[in-house]
C-alpha atoms as a PDB file:
ATOM      1  CA  UNK A   1     -63.470 -40.640 -18.016  1.00  0.00           C
ATOM      2  CA  UNK A   2     -64.683 -40.023 -14.325  1.00  0.00           C
ATOM      3  CA  UNK A   3     -65.832 -37.109 -13.218  1.00  0.00           C
ATOM      4  CA  UNK A   4     -66.804 -36.272  -9.904  1.00  0.00           C
ATOM      5  CA  UNK A   5     -69.605 -34.409  -8.644  1.00  0.00           C
ATOM      6  CA  UNK A   6     -70.069 -32.491  -6.340  1.00  0.00           C
ATOM      7  CA  UNK A   7     -73.148 -32.663  -4.383  1.00  0.00           C
ATOM      8  CA  UNK A   8     -75.251 -35.358  -2.218  1.00  0.00           C
ATOM      9  CA  UNK A   9     -78.293 -34.206  -4.197  1.00  0.00           C
ATOM     10  CA  UNK A  10     -79.745 -37.261  -5.795  1.00  0.00           C
ATOM     11  CA  UNK A  11     -81.946 -35.306  -8.082  1.00  0.00           C
ATOM     12  CA  UNK A  12     -79.428 -33.512  -9.459  1.00  0.00           C
ATOM     13  CA  UNK A  13     -77.191 -36.452  -9.577  1.00  0.00           C
ATOM     14  CA  UNK A  14     -79.794 -37.889 -11.935  1.00  0.00           C
ATOM     15  CA  UNK A  15     -79.906 -35.133 -14.251  1.00  0.00           C
ATOM     16  CA  UNK A  16     -76.453 -34.821 -14.605  1.00  0.00           C
ATOM     17  CA  UNK A  17     -76.564 -38.453 -15.557  1.00  0.00           C
ATOM     18  CA  UNK A  18     -79.049 -38.433 -18.494  1.00  0.00           C
ATOM     19  CA  UNK A  19     -76.648 -34.618 -19.700  1.00  0.00           C
ATOM     20  CA  UNK A  20     -73.963 -37.197 -19.359  1.00  0.00           C
ATOM     21  CA  UNK A  21     -75.311 -40.104 -20.863  1.00  0.00           C
ATOM     22  CA  UNK A  22     -73.758 -41.286 -24.608  1.00  0.00           C
ATOM     23  CA  UNK A  23     -70.712 -39.522 -23.502  1.00  0.00           C
ATOM     24  CA  UNK A  24     -68.720 -41.811 -21.903  1.00  0.00           C
ATOM     25  CA  UNK A  25     -68.459 -39.511 -19.138  1.00  0.00           C
ATOM     26  CA  UNK A  26     -68.656 -41.796 -15.826  1.00  0.00           C
ATOM     27  CA  UNK A  27     -70.869 -39.850 -13.225  1.00  0.00           C
ATOM     28  CA  UNK A  28     -69.167 -40.724  -9.589  1.00  0.00           C
ATOM     29  CA  UNK A  29     -69.946 -39.681  -5.848  1.00  0.00           C
ATOM     30  CA  UNK A  30     -67.842 -39.294  -3.480  1.00  0.00           C
ATOM     31  CA  UNK A  31     -68.936 -40.537  -0.235  1.00  0.00           C
ATOM     32  CA  UNK A  32     -67.305 -38.340   2.129  1.00  0.00           C
ATOM     33  CA  UNK A  33     -68.371 -34.963   0.218  1.00  0.00           C
ATOM     34  CA  UNK A  34     -68.237 -32.128   2.516  1.00  0.00           C
ATOM     35  CA  UNK A  35     -70.976 -29.504   1.616  1.00  0.00           C
ATOM     36  CA  UNK A  36     -69.234 -26.725   1.588  1.00  0.00           C
ATOM     37  CA  UNK A  37     -71.512 -22.684   3.011  1.00  0.00           C
ATOM     38  CA  UNK A  38     -71.948 -21.130  -0.242  1.00  0.00           C
ATOM     39  CA  UNK A  39     -72.739 -17.309  -0.071  1.00  0.00           C
ATOM     40  CA  UNK A  40     -70.711 -15.946  -3.172  1.00  0.00           C
ATOM     41  CA  UNK A  41     -71.624 -13.562  -5.079  1.00  0.00           C
ATOM     42  CA  UNK A  42     -73.537 -15.412  -7.772  1.00  0.00           C
ATOM     43  CA  UNK A  43     -74.035 -18.932  -8.941  1.00  0.00           C
ATOM     44  CA  UNK A  44     -70.523 -19.108 -10.973  1.00  0.00           C
ATOM     45  CA  UNK A  45     -68.649 -18.493  -8.191  1.00  0.00           C
ATOM     46  CA  UNK A  46     -70.421 -20.974  -5.419  1.00  0.00           C
ATOM     47  CA  UNK A  47     -70.247 -23.514  -8.457  1.00  0.00           C
ATOM     48  CA  UNK A  48     -66.557 -22.694  -8.574  1.00  0.00           C
ATOM     49  CA  UNK A  49     -66.263 -22.890  -4.486  1.00  0.00           C
ATOM     50  CA  UNK A  50     -68.230 -26.082  -4.720  1.00  0.00           C
ATOM     51  CA  UNK A  51     -65.740 -27.706  -7.130  1.00  0.00           C
ATOM     52  CA  UNK A  52     -62.466 -26.393  -5.280  1.00  0.00           C
ATOM     53  CA  UNK A  53     -63.861 -28.328  -2.079  1.00  0.00           C
ATOM     54  CA  UNK A  54     -64.520 -31.439  -3.842  1.00  0.00           C
ATOM     55  CA  UNK A  55     -61.394 -31.306  -5.289  1.00  0.00           C
ATOM     56  CA  UNK A  56     -59.257 -30.582  -2.176  1.00  0.00           C
ATOM     57  CA  UNK A  57     -61.323 -33.128  -0.330  1.00  0.00           C
ATOM     58  CA  UNK A  58     -60.443 -35.852  -3.204  1.00  0.00           C
ATOM     59  CA  UNK A  59     -56.567 -34.956  -3.023  1.00  0.00           C
ATOM     60  CA  UNK A  60     -56.772 -35.454   0.654  1.00  0.00           C
ATOM     61  CA  UNK A  61     -58.158 -39.295   0.520  1.00  0.00           C
ATOM     62  CA  UNK A  62     -55.759 -39.937  -2.667  1.00  0.00           C
ATOM     63  CA  UNK A  63     -57.910 -38.996  -5.604  1.00  0.00           C
ATOM     64  CA  UNK A  64     -56.634 -36.978  -8.802  1.00  0.00           C
ATOM     65  CA  UNK A  65     -59.832 -36.908 -10.755  1.00  0.00           C
ATOM     66  CA  UNK A  66     -62.126 -34.417 -12.646  1.00  0.00           C
ATOM     67  CA  UNK A  67     -64.762 -32.324 -10.723  1.00  0.00           C
ATOM     68  CA  UNK A  68     -68.016 -30.827 -11.811  1.00  0.00           C
ATOM     69  CA  UNK A  69     -70.085 -28.833  -9.571  1.00  0.00           C
ATOM     70  CA  UNK A  70     -73.254 -26.255 -10.668  1.00  0.00           C
ATOM     71  CA  UNK A  71     -75.317 -24.063  -8.234  1.00  0.00           C
ATOM     72  CA  UNK A  72     -78.708 -23.062  -9.916  1.00  0.00           C
ATOM     73  CA  UNK A  73     -81.218 -20.798  -8.242  1.00  0.00           C
ATOM     74  CA  UNK A  74     -84.989 -19.445  -8.362  1.00  0.00           C
ATOM     75  CA  UNK A  75     -85.379 -15.995  -8.668  1.00  0.00           C
ATOM     76  CA  UNK A  76     -88.145 -13.712  -8.245  1.00  0.00           C
ATOM     77  CA  UNK A  77     -88.950 -10.554  -8.929  1.00  0.00           C
ATOM     78  CA  UNK A  78     -90.513  -9.418  -5.359  1.00  0.00           C
END
């Protein structure tokens, strides 16, 4: 199975490749991926925003494929 990652971050890509090792899933990068402006209410909504954006970008390029996205952050009580 081929899956595109909605990220330009090489470190994040390496983390996902390690997580998917041995699963038979090939993690791909879409060179034309354009980041989206985040700002949704939580991490899950931001991840969904990124996934939907990459999916639309892939479809515009004539590519129909699964998409994987995440959003993570560091929260500190201040």
